[in-house]
């Protein structure tokens, strides 16, 4: 008479990469690229060329996007505020460092 529905329940939560984790990861990548490009630039006496410039530009964009994600995670408040604050602060500092380095390079 009545058909029994075949319902399956799972209690395993899938691990998602939240905006905070992505923001922190991009900030760390941006800092690593910053450190490597500055070191290489000192070694080759500021004659790094286009390769270092492209790496720096990509890392700068990573930093800006990480700052955007960090601020979005702060506004949502779905997880720990401490992590979201740390990610926004780290990516904001990296953005400022990249802007300063860019302006020094133009001068």
PDB file of N, CA and C in Angstrom:
ATOM      1  N   UNK A   1       0.808  -1.176   0.000  1.00  0.00           N
ATOM      2  CA  UNK A   1       0.000   0.000   0.000  1.00  0.00           C
ATOM      3  C   UNK A   1       0.869   1.265   0.000  1.00  0.00           C
ATOM      4  N   UNK A   2       1.649   1.458   1.038  1.00  0.00           N
ATOM      5  CA  UNK A   2       2.566   2.580   1.085  1.00  0.00           C
ATOM      6  C   UNK A   2       3.959   2.088   0.733  1.00  0.00           C
ATOM      7  N   UNK A   3       4.648   2.874  -0.090  1.00  0.00           N
ATOM      8  CA  UNK A   3       6.017   2.510  -0.434  1.00  0.00           C
ATOM      9  C   UNK A   3       6.960   3.116   0.587  1.00  0.00           C
ATOM     10  N   UNK A   4       7.898   2.338   0.990  1.00  0.00           N
ATOM     11  CA  UNK A   4       8.879   2.801   1.967  1.00  0.00           C
ATOM     12  C   UNK A   4       9.980   3.566   1.232  1.00  0.00           C
ATOM     13  N   UNK A   5      10.254   4.760   1.712  1.00  0.00           N
ATOM     14  CA  UNK A   5      11.298   5.567   1.077  1.00  0.00           C
ATOM     15  C   UNK A   5      12.659   5.064   1.533  1.00  0.00           C
ATOM     16  N   UNK A   6      13.565   5.057   0.623  1.00  0.00           N
ATOM     17  CA  UNK A   6      14.918   4.606   0.912  1.00  0.00           C
ATOM     18  C   UNK A   6      15.756   5.821   1.315  1.00  0.00           C
ATOM     19  N   UNK A   7      15.782   6.127   2.593  1.00  0.00           N
ATOM     20  CA  UNK A   7      16.478   7.299   3.095  1.00  0.00           C
ATOM     21  C   UNK A   7      17.754   6.856   3.789  1.00  0.00           C
ATOM     22  N   UNK A   8      18.860   7.508   3.414  1.00  0.00           N
ATOM     23  CA  UNK A   8      20.148   7.189   4.034  1.00  0.00           C
ATOM     24  C   UNK A   8      20.627   8.409   4.819  1.00  0.00           C
ATOM     25  N   UNK A   9      21.091   8.147   5.998  1.00  0.00           N
ATOM     26  CA  UNK A   9      21.603   9.216   6.846  1.00  0.00           C
ATOM     27  C   UNK A   9      23.104   9.052   6.981  1.00  0.00           C
ATOM     28  N   UNK A  10      23.800  10.159   6.882  1.00  0.00           N
ATOM     29  CA  UNK A  10      25.236  10.143   7.118  1.00  0.00           C
ATOM     30  C   UNK A  10      25.549  11.162   8.206  1.00  0.00           C
ATOM     31  N   UNK A  11      26.438  10.782   9.075  1.00  0.00           N
ATOM     32  CA  UNK A  11      26.807  11.656  10.182  1.00  0.00           C
ATOM     33  C   UNK A  11      28.240  12.152  10.062  1.00  0.00           C
ATOM     34  N   UNK A  12      28.828  11.933   8.927  1.00  0.00           N
ATOM     35  CA  UNK A  12      30.196  12.378   8.701  1.00  0.00           C
ATOM     36  C   UNK A  12      30.134  13.762   8.072  1.00  0.00           C
ATOM     37  N   UNK A  13      30.763  14.702   8.729  1.00  0.00           N
ATOM     38  CA  UNK A  13      30.795  16.059   8.199  1.00  0.00           C
ATOM     39  C   UNK A  13      31.943  16.178   7.208  1.00  0.00           C
ATOM     40  N   UNK A  14      31.651  16.774   6.080  1.00  0.00           N
ATOM     41  CA  UNK A  14      32.695  17.012   5.097  1.00  0.00           C
ATOM     42  C   UNK A  14      33.477  18.253   5.488  1.00  0.00           C
ATOM     43  N   UNK A  15      34.771  18.171   5.332  1.00  0.00           N
ATOM     44  CA  UNK A  15      35.639  19.294   5.654  1.00  0.00           C
ATOM     45  C   UNK A  15      35.631  20.257   4.475  1.00  0.00           C
ATOM     46  N   UNK A  16      35.237  21.488   4.719  1.00  0.00           N
ATOM     47  CA  UNK A  16      35.215  22.491   3.666  1.00  0.00           C
ATOM     48  C   UNK A  16      36.343  23.491   3.904  1.00  0.00           C
ATOM     49  N   UNK A  17      36.823  24.024   2.815  1.00  0.00           N
ATOM     50  CA  UNK A  17      37.776  25.113   2.936  1.00  0.00           C
ATOM     51  C   UNK A  17      36.980  26.402   3.036  1.00  0.00           C
ATOM     52  N   UNK A  18      36.961  26.965   4.207  1.00  0.00           N
ATOM     53  CA  UNK A  18      36.206  28.193   4.416  1.00  0.00           C
ATOM     54  C   UNK A  18      37.019  29.383   3.909  1.00  0.00           C
ATOM     55  N   UNK A  19      36.367  30.528   3.875  1.00  0.00           N
ATOM     56  CA  UNK A  19      37.052  31.740   3.417  1.00  0.00           C
ATOM     57  C   UNK A  19      38.257  32.068   4.287  1.00  0.00           C
ATOM     58  N   UNK A  20      38.157  31.767   5.571  1.00  0.00           N
ATOM     59  CA  UNK A  20      39.261  32.076   6.475  1.00  0.00           C
ATOM     60  C   UNK A  20      40.484  31.234   6.137  1.00  0.00           C
ATOM     61  N   UNK A  21      40.287  29.956   5.909  1.00  0.00           N
ATOM     62  CA  UNK A  21      41.427  29.094   5.576  1.00  0.00           C
ATOM     63  C   UNK A  21      42.050  29.464   4.243  1.00  0.00           C
ATOM     64  N   UNK A  22      41.221  29.761   3.278  1.00  0.00           N
ATOM     65  CA  UNK A  22      41.746  30.167   1.963  1.00  0.00           C
ATOM     66  C   UNK A  22      42.506  31.484   2.098  1.00  0.00           C
ATOM     67  N   UNK A  23      41.974  32.399   2.882  1.00  0.00           N
ATOM     68  CA  UNK A  23      42.633  33.683   3.090  1.00  0.00           C
ATOM     69  C   UNK A  23      43.993  33.514   3.766  1.00  0.00           C
ATOM     70  N   UNK A  24      44.047  32.687   4.802  1.00  0.00           N
ATOM     71  CA  UNK A  24      45.327  32.436   5.469  1.00  0.00           C
ATOM     72  C   UNK A  24      46.325  31.756   4.538  1.00  0.00           C
ATOM     73  N   UNK A  25      45.853  30.806   3.749  1.00  0.00           N
ATOM     74  CA  UNK A  25      46.733  30.110   2.816  1.00  0.00           C
ATOM     75  C   UNK A  25      47.295  31.070   1.776  1.00  0.00           C
ATOM     76  N   UNK A  26      46.438  31.909   1.214  1.00  0.00           N
ATOM     77  CA  UNK A  26      46.911  32.876   0.226  1.00  0.00           C
ATOM     78  C   UNK A  26      47.860  33.901   0.842  1.00  0.00           C
ATOM     79  N   UNK A  27      47.637  34.272   2.088  1.00  0.00           N
ATOM     80  CA  UNK A  27      48.550  35.204   2.763  1.00  0.00           C
ATOM     81  C   UNK A  27      49.926  34.580   2.965  1.00  0.00           C
ATOM     82  N   UNK A  28      49.943  33.311   3.352  1.00  0.00           N
ATOM     83  CA  UNK A  28      51.225  32.620   3.539  1.00  0.00           C
ATOM     84  C   UNK A  28      51.950  32.476   2.201  1.00  0.00           C
ATOM     85  N   UNK A  29      51.214  32.145   1.145  1.00  0.00           N
ATOM     86  CA  UNK A  29      51.830  32.041  -0.180  1.00  0.00           C
ATOM     87  C   UNK A  29      52.378  33.395  -0.614  1.00  0.00           C
ATOM     88  N   UNK A  30      51.614  34.451  -0.384  1.00  0.00           N
ATOM     89  CA  UNK A  30      52.064  35.787  -0.757  1.00  0.00           C
ATOM     90  C   UNK A  30      53.317  36.180   0.018  1.00  0.00           C
ATOM     91  N   UNK A  31      53.360  35.856   1.308  1.00  0.00           N
ATOM     92  CA  UNK A  31      54.552  36.172   2.099  1.00  0.00           C
ATOM     93  C   UNK A  31      55.762  35.375   1.624  1.00  0.00           C
ATOM     94  N   UNK A  32      55.559  34.102   1.289  1.00  0.00           N
ATOM     95  CA  UNK A  32      56.672  33.271   0.803  1.00  0.00           C
ATOM     96  C   UNK A  32      57.213  33.813  -0.521  1.00  0.00           C
ATOM     97  N   UNK A  33      56.321  34.190  -1.417  1.00  0.00           N
ATOM     98  CA  UNK A  33      56.768  34.758  -2.697  1.00  0.00           C
ATOM     99  C   UNK A  33      57.467  36.091  -2.465  1.00  0.00           C
ATOM    100  N   UNK A  34      56.967  36.891  -1.522  1.00  0.00           N
ATOM    101  CA  UNK A  34      57.614  38.166  -1.185  1.00  0.00           C
ATOM    102  C   UNK A  34      59.040  37.928  -0.708  1.00  0.00           C
ATOM    103  N   UNK A  35      59.200  36.990   0.220  1.00  0.00           N
ATOM    104  CA  UNK A  35      60.538  36.712   0.759  1.00  0.00           C
ATOM    105  C   UNK A  35      61.482  36.203  -0.321  1.00  0.00           C
ATOM    106  N   UNK A  36      60.996  35.309  -1.169  1.00  0.00           N
ATOM    107  CA  UNK A  36      61.845  34.741  -2.223  1.00  0.00           C
ATOM    108  C   UNK A  36      62.207  35.804  -3.260  1.00  0.00           C
ATOM    109  N   UNK A  37      61.250  36.614  -3.666  1.00  0.00           N
ATOM    110  CA  UNK A  37      61.564  37.637  -4.677  1.00  0.00           C
ATOM    111  C   UNK A  37      62.514  38.703  -4.140  1.00  0.00           C
ATOM    112  N   UNK A  38      62.359  39.084  -2.885  1.00  0.00           N
ATOM    113  CA  UNK A  38      63.286  40.067  -2.306  1.00  0.00           C
ATOM    114  C   UNK A  38      64.685  39.461  -2.194  1.00  0.00           C
ATOM    115  N   UNK A  39      64.775  38.203  -1.785  1.00  0.00           N
ATOM    116  CA  UNK A  39      66.081  37.546  -1.685  1.00  0.00           C
ATOM    117  C   UNK A  39      66.751  37.425  -3.053  1.00  0.00           C
ATOM    118  N   UNK A  40      66.005  37.001  -4.039  1.00  0.00           N
ATOM    119  CA  UNK A  40      66.573  36.881  -5.391  1.00  0.00           C
ATOM    120  C   UNK A  40      66.969  38.248  -5.934  1.00  0.00           C
ATOM    121  N   UNK A  41      66.166  39.267  -5.648  1.00  0.00           N
ATOM    122  CA  UNK A  41      66.491  40.606  -6.112  1.00  0.00           C
ATOM    123  C   UNK A  41      67.784  41.118  -5.479  1.00  0.00           C
ATOM    124  N   UNK A  42      68.007  40.808  -4.205  1.00  0.00           N
ATOM    125  CA  UNK A  42      69.272  41.192  -3.580  1.00  0.00           C
ATOM    126  C   UNK A  42      70.443  40.421  -4.179  1.00  0.00           C
ATOM    127  N   UNK A  43      70.237  39.158  -4.474  1.00  0.00           N
ATOM    128  CA  UNK A  43      71.323  38.337  -5.023  1.00  0.00           C
ATOM    129  C   UNK A  43      71.739  38.823  -6.405  1.00  0.00           C
ATOM    130  N   UNK A  44      70.758  39.141  -7.254  1.00  0.00           N
ATOM    131  CA  UNK A  44      71.093  39.570  -8.615  1.00  0.00           C
ATOM    132  C   UNK A  44      71.225  41.089  -8.718  1.00  0.00           C
ATOM    133  N   UNK A  45      71.295  41.770  -7.624  1.00  0.00           N
ATOM    134  CA  UNK A  45      71.516  43.213  -7.515  1.00  0.00           C
ATOM    135  C   UNK A  45      70.472  44.009  -8.303  1.00  0.00           C
ATOM    136  N   UNK A  46      69.212  43.737  -8.024  1.00  0.00           N
ATOM    137  CA  UNK A  46      68.054  44.447  -8.570  1.00  0.00           C
ATOM    138  C   UNK A  46      67.939  44.336 -10.083  1.00  0.00           C
ATOM    139  N   UNK A  47      68.407  43.249 -10.639  1.00  0.00           N
ATOM    140  CA  UNK A  47      68.284  43.012 -12.078  1.00  0.00           C
ATOM    141  C   UNK A  47      67.470  41.741 -12.329  1.00  0.00           C
ATOM    142  N   UNK A  48      66.378  41.580 -11.593  1.00  0.00           N
ATOM    143  CA  UNK A  48      65.586  40.359 -11.666  1.00  0.00           C
ATOM    144  C   UNK A  48      64.799  40.207 -12.950  1.00  0.00           C
ATOM    145  N   UNK A  49      64.381  41.289 -13.511  1.00  0.00           N
ATOM    146  CA  UNK A  49      63.669  41.227 -14.769  1.00  0.00           C
ATOM    147  C   UNK A  49      62.189  40.923 -14.619  1.00  0.00           C
ATOM    148  N   UNK A  50      61.645  40.472 -15.721  1.00  0.00           N
ATOM    149  CA  UNK A  50      60.196  40.274 -15.808  1.00  0.00           C
ATOM    150  C   UNK A  50      59.714  39.103 -14.976  1.00  0.00           C
ATOM    151  N   UNK A  51      60.520  38.091 -14.781  1.00  0.00           N
ATOM    152  CA  UNK A  51      60.082  36.911 -14.022  1.00  0.00           C
ATOM    153  C   UNK A  51      59.751  37.283 -12.571  1.00  0.00           C
ATOM    154  N   UNK A  52      60.619  38.064 -11.951  1.00  0.00           N
ATOM    155  CA  UNK A  52      60.340  38.493 -10.578  1.00  0.00           C
ATOM    156  C   UNK A  52      59.159  39.458 -10.518  1.00  0.00           C
ATOM    157  N   UNK A  53      59.024  40.288 -11.522  1.00  0.00           N
ATOM    158  CA  UNK A  53      57.897  41.209 -11.565  1.00  0.00           C
ATOM    159  C   UNK A  53      56.567  40.485 -11.696  1.00  0.00           C
ATOM    160  N   UNK A  54      56.536  39.462 -12.539  1.00  0.00           N
ATOM    161  CA  UNK A  54      55.298  38.681 -12.703  1.00  0.00           C
ATOM    162  C   UNK A  54      54.959  37.914 -11.429  1.00  0.00           C
ATOM    163  N   UNK A  55      55.969  37.322 -10.809  1.00  0.00           N
ATOM    164  CA  UNK A  55      55.732  36.602  -9.556  1.00  0.00           C
ATOM    165  C   UNK A  55      55.226  37.554  -8.478  1.00  0.00           C
ATOM    166  N   UNK A  56      55.799  38.741  -8.423  1.00  0.00           N
ATOM    167  CA  UNK A  56      55.350  39.736  -7.454  1.00  0.00           C
ATOM    168  C   UNK A  56      53.936  40.222  -7.721  1.00  0.00           C
ATOM    169  N   UNK A  57      53.605  40.422  -8.992  1.00  0.00           N
ATOM    170  CA  UNK A  57      52.263  40.877  -9.335  1.00  0.00           C
ATOM    171  C   UNK A  57      51.213  39.823  -8.978  1.00  0.00           C
ATOM    172  N   UNK A  58      51.501  38.574  -9.261  1.00  0.00           N
ATOM    173  CA  UNK A  58      50.567  37.495  -8.920  1.00  0.00           C
ATOM    174  C   UNK A  58      50.416  37.381  -7.406  1.00  0.00           C
ATOM    175  N   UNK A  59      51.521  37.481  -6.679  1.00  0.00           N
ATOM    176  CA  UNK A  59      51.453  37.408  -5.219  1.00  0.00           C
ATOM    177  C   UNK A  59      50.702  38.609  -4.645  1.00  0.00           C
ATOM    178  N   UNK A  60      50.837  39.777  -5.288  1.00  0.00           N
ATOM    179  CA  UNK A  60      50.098  40.948  -4.838  1.00  0.00           C
ATOM    180  C   UNK A  60      48.592  40.731  -5.029  1.00  0.00           C
ATOM    181  N   UNK A  61      48.214  40.156  -6.148  1.00  0.00           N
ATOM    182  CA  UNK A  61      46.797  39.859  -6.382  1.00  0.00           C
ATOM    183  C   UNK A  61      46.285  38.817  -5.394  1.00  0.00           C
ATOM    184  N   UNK A  62      47.121  37.815  -5.068  1.00  0.00           N
ATOM    185  CA  UNK A  62      46.760  36.838  -4.037  1.00  0.00           C
ATOM    186  C   UNK A  62      46.478  37.545  -2.716  1.00  0.00           C
ATOM    187  N   UNK A  63      47.331  38.496  -2.384  1.00  0.00           N
ATOM    188  CA  UNK A  63      47.190  39.215  -1.122  1.00  0.00           C
ATOM    189  C   UNK A  63      45.906  40.042  -1.095  1.00  0.00           C
ATOM    190  N   UNK A  64      45.592  40.719  -2.187  1.00  0.00           N
ATOM    191  CA  UNK A  64      44.357  41.511  -2.244  1.00  0.00           C
ATOM    192  C   UNK A  64      43.131  40.609  -2.132  1.00  0.00           C
ATOM    193  N   UNK A  65      43.152  39.491  -2.828  1.00  0.00           N
ATOM    194  CA  UNK A  65      42.015  38.571  -2.772  1.00  0.00           C
ATOM    195  C   UNK A  65      41.885  37.952  -1.373  1.00  0.00           C
ATOM    196  N   UNK A  66      43.023  37.664  -0.744  1.00  0.00           N
ATOM    197  CA  UNK A  66      42.997  37.127   0.616  1.00  0.00           C
ATOM    198  C   UNK A  66      42.414  38.148   1.581  1.00  0.00           C
ATOM    199  N   UNK A  67      42.729  39.424   1.379  1.00  0.00           N
ATOM    200  CA  UNK A  67      42.159  40.470   2.232  1.00  0.00           C
ATOM    201  C   UNK A  67      40.644  40.546   2.044  1.00  0.00           C
ATOM    202  N   UNK A  68      40.198  40.446   0.800  1.00  0.00           N
ATOM    203  CA  UNK A  68      38.762  40.451   0.526  1.00  0.00           C
ATOM    204  C   UNK A  68      38.074  39.264   1.205  1.00  0.00           C
ATOM    205  N   UNK A  69      38.666  38.081   1.096  1.00  0.00           N
ATOM    206  CA  UNK A  69      38.079  36.900   1.730  1.00  0.00           C
ATOM    207  C   UNK A  69      38.082  37.020   3.251  1.00  0.00           C
ATOM    208  N   UNK A  70      39.152  37.572   3.802  1.00  0.00           N
ATOM    209  CA  UNK A  70      39.223  37.756   5.252  1.00  0.00           C
ATOM    210  C   UNK A  70      38.172  38.717   5.765  1.00  0.00           C
ATOM    211  N   UNK A  71      37.946  39.797   5.035  1.00  0.00           N
ATOM    212  CA  UNK A  71      36.920  40.750   5.453  1.00  0.00           C
ATOM    213  C   UNK A  71      35.519  40.149   5.291  1.00  0.00           C
ATOM    214  N   UNK A  72      35.331  39.344   4.259  1.00  0.00           N
ATOM    215  CA  UNK A  72      34.035  38.686   4.073  1.00  0.00           C
ATOM    216  C   UNK A  72      33.779  37.668   5.185  1.00  0.00           C
ATOM    217  N   UNK A  73      34.832  36.958   5.593  1.00  0.00           N
ATOM    218  CA  UNK A  73      34.687  36.006   6.695  1.00  0.00           C
ATOM    219  C   UNK A  73      34.392  36.725   8.006  1.00  0.00           C
ATOM    220  N   UNK A  74      34.963  37.903   8.181  1.00  0.00           N
ATOM    221  CA  UNK A  74      34.661  38.685   9.391  1.00  0.00           C
ATOM    222  C   UNK A  74      33.214  39.160   9.407  1.00  0.00           C
ATOM    223  N   UNK A  75      32.693  39.500   8.258  1.00  0.00           N
ATOM    224  CA  UNK A  75      31.321  39.997   8.222  1.00  0.00           C
ATOM    225  C   UNK A  75      30.301  38.877   8.404  1.00  0.00           C
ATOM    226  N   UNK A  76      30.648  37.638   8.002  1.00  0.00           N
ATOM    227  CA  UNK A  76      29.713  36.523   8.146  1.00  0.00           C
ATOM    228  C   UNK A  76      29.635  36.016   9.580  1.00  0.00           C
ATOM    229  N   UNK A  77      30.756  35.964  10.258  1.00  0.00           N
ATOM    230  CA  UNK A  77      30.842  35.480  11.639  1.00  0.00           C
ATOM    231  C   UNK A  77      30.287  34.062  11.799  1.00  0.00           C
ATOM    232  N   UNK A  78      30.592  33.199  10.836  1.00  0.00           N
ATOM    233  CA  UNK A  78      30.112  31.823  10.938  1.00  0.00           C
ATOM    234  C   UNK A  78      31.074  30.949  11.730  1.00  0.00           C
ATOM    235  N   UNK A  79      32.296  31.353  11.835  1.00  0.00           N
ATOM    236  CA  UNK A  79      33.274  30.575  12.592  1.00  0.00           C
ATOM    237  C   UNK A  79      34.041  31.505  13.507  1.00  0.00           C
ATOM    238  N   UNK A  80      35.125  31.024  14.053  1.00  0.00           N
ATOM    239  CA  UNK A  80      35.878  31.801  15.021  1.00  0.00           C
ATOM    240  C   UNK A  80      36.301  33.159  14.495  1.00  0.00           C
ATOM    241  N   UNK A  81      36.023  34.173  15.259  1.00  0.00           N
ATOM    242  CA  UNK A  81      36.357  35.529  14.854  1.00  0.00           C
ATOM    243  C   UNK A  81      37.861  35.750  14.925  1.00  0.00           C
ATOM    244  N   UNK A  82      38.527  35.026  15.810  1.00  0.00           N
ATOM    245  CA  UNK A  82      39.972  35.192  15.964  1.00  0.00           C
ATOM    246  C   UNK A  82      40.714  34.807  14.684  1.00  0.00           C
ATOM    247  N   UNK A  83      40.334  33.687  14.089  1.00  0.00           N
ATOM    248  CA  UNK A  83      40.979  33.258  12.844  1.00  0.00           C
ATOM    249  C   UNK A  83      40.682  34.226  11.704  1.00  0.00           C
ATOM    250  N   UNK A  84      39.451  34.690  11.626  1.00  0.00           N
ATOM    251  CA  UNK A  84      39.084  35.629  10.569  1.00  0.00           C
ATOM    252  C   UNK A  84      39.841  36.945  10.729  1.00  0.00           C
ATOM    253  N   UNK A  85      39.997  37.395  11.967  1.00  0.00           N
ATOM    254  CA  UNK A  85      40.764  38.617  12.220  1.00  0.00           C
ATOM    255  C   UNK A  85      42.225  38.427  11.849  1.00  0.00           C
ATOM    256  N   UNK A  86      42.783  37.275  12.210  1.00  0.00           N
ATOM    257  CA  UNK A  86      44.181  36.990  11.868  1.00  0.00           C
ATOM    258  C   UNK A  86      44.383  36.952  10.362  1.00  0.00           C
ATOM    259  N   UNK A  87      43.475  36.325   9.637  1.00  0.00           N
ATOM    260  CA  UNK A  87      43.631  36.235   8.189  1.00  0.00           C
ATOM    261  C   UNK A  87      43.492  37.604   7.535  1.00  0.00           C
ATOM    262  N   UNK A  88      42.536  38.414   7.994  1.00  0.00           N
ATOM    263  CA  UNK A  88      42.372  39.754   7.424  1.00  0.00           C
ATOM    264  C   UNK A  88      43.577  40.634   7.747  1.00  0.00           C
ATOM    265  N   UNK A  89      44.093  40.522   8.961  1.00  0.00           N
ATOM    266  CA  UNK A  89      45.250  41.321   9.356  1.00  0.00           C
ATOM    267  C   UNK A  89      46.499  40.913   8.575  1.00  0.00           C
ATOM    268  N   UNK A  90      46.738  39.615   8.452  1.00  0.00           N
ATOM    269  CA  UNK A  90      47.926  39.141   7.734  1.00  0.00           C
ATOM    270  C   UNK A  90      47.878  39.544   6.264  1.00  0.00           C
ATOM    271  N   UNK A  91      46.737  39.363   5.638  1.00  0.00           N
ATOM    272  CA  UNK A  91      46.644  39.717   4.223  1.00  0.00           C
ATOM    273  C   UNK A  91      46.660  41.231   4.027  1.00  0.00           C
ATOM    274  N   UNK A  92      46.136  41.990   4.977  1.00  0.00           N
ATOM    275  CA  UNK A  92      46.208  43.443   4.889  1.00  0.00           C
ATOM    276  C   UNK A  92      47.637  43.947   4.988  1.00  0.00           C
ATOM    277  N   UNK A  93      48.413  43.357   5.892  1.00  0.00           N
ATOM    278  CA  UNK A  93      49.827  43.732   6.022  1.00  0.00           C
ATOM    279  C   UNK A  93      50.592  43.371   4.755  1.00  0.00           C
ATOM    280  N   UNK A  94      50.302  42.184   4.207  1.00  0.00           N
ATOM    281  CA  UNK A  94      50.977  41.791   2.969  1.00  0.00           C
ATOM    282  C   UNK A  94      50.583  42.710   1.813  1.00  0.00           C
ATOM    283  N   UNK A  95      49.343  43.143   1.767  1.00  0.00           N
ATOM    284  CA  UNK A  95      48.911  44.073   0.715  1.00  0.00           C
ATOM    285  C   UNK A  95      49.667  45.388   0.821  1.00  0.00           C
ATOM    286  N   UNK A  96      49.818  45.880   2.043  1.00  0.00           N
ATOM    287  CA  UNK A  96      50.555  47.127   2.243  1.00  0.00           C
ATOM    288  C   UNK A  96      52.021  46.956   1.841  1.00  0.00           C
ATOM    289  N   UNK A  97      52.633  45.833   2.219  1.00  0.00           N
ATOM    290  CA  UNK A  97      54.026  45.588   1.828  1.00  0.00           C
ATOM    291  C   UNK A  97      54.184  45.540   0.312  1.00  0.00           C
ATOM    292  N   UNK A  98      53.256  44.886  -0.364  1.00  0.00           N
ATOM    293  CA  UNK A  98      53.339  44.797  -1.828  1.00  0.00           C
ATOM    294  C   UNK A  98      53.153  46.174  -2.474  1.00  0.00           C
ATOM    295  N   UNK A  99      52.241  46.972  -1.941  1.00  0.00           N
ATOM    296  CA  UNK A  99      52.033  48.312  -2.505  1.00  0.00           C
ATOM    297  C   UNK A  99      53.273  49.170  -2.310  1.00  0.00           C
ATOM    298  N   UNK A 100      53.885  49.103  -1.128  1.00  0.00           N
ATOM    299  CA  UNK A 100      55.111  49.864  -0.864  1.00  0.00           C
ATOM    300  C   UNK A 100      56.231  49.420  -1.795  1.00  0.00           C
ATOM    301  N   UNK A 101      56.390  48.105  -1.953  1.00  0.00           N
ATOM    302  CA  UNK A 101      57.432  47.598  -2.850  1.00  0.00           C
ATOM    303  C   UNK A 101      57.176  48.020  -4.293  1.00  0.00           C
ATOM    304  N   UNK A 102      55.926  47.991  -4.697  1.00  0.00           N
ATOM    305  CA  UNK A 102      55.575  48.413  -6.056  1.00  0.00           C
ATOM    306  C   UNK A 102      55.886  49.881  -6.264  1.00  0.00           C
ATOM    307  N   UNK A 103      55.530  50.727  -5.291  1.00  0.00           N
ATOM    308  CA  UNK A 103      55.787  52.164  -5.427  1.00  0.00           C
ATOM    309  C   UNK A 103      57.277  52.481  -5.384  1.00  0.00           C
ATOM    310  N   UNK A 104      58.034  51.719  -4.596  1.00  0.00           N
ATOM    311  CA  UNK A 104      59.491  51.905  -4.592  1.00  0.00           C
ATOM    312  C   UNK A 104      60.096  51.495  -5.924  1.00  0.00           C
ATOM    313  N   UNK A 105      59.533  50.476  -6.546  1.00  0.00           N
ATOM    314  CA  UNK A 105      60.025  50.041  -7.850  1.00  0.00           C
ATOM    315  C   UNK A 105      59.719  51.028  -8.952  1.00  0.00           C
ATOM    316  N   UNK A 106      58.607  51.749  -8.854  1.00  0.00           N
ATOM    317  CA  UNK A 106      58.257  52.748  -9.861  1.00  0.00           C
ATOM    318  C   UNK A 106      59.160  53.969  -9.719  1.00  0.00           C
ATOM    319  N   UNK A 107      59.508  54.309  -8.496  1.00  0.00           N
ATOM    320  CA  UNK A 107      60.332  55.489  -8.254  1.00  0.00           C
ATOM    321  C   UNK A 107      61.684  55.245  -8.818  1.00  0.00           C
TER     322      UNK A 107
END
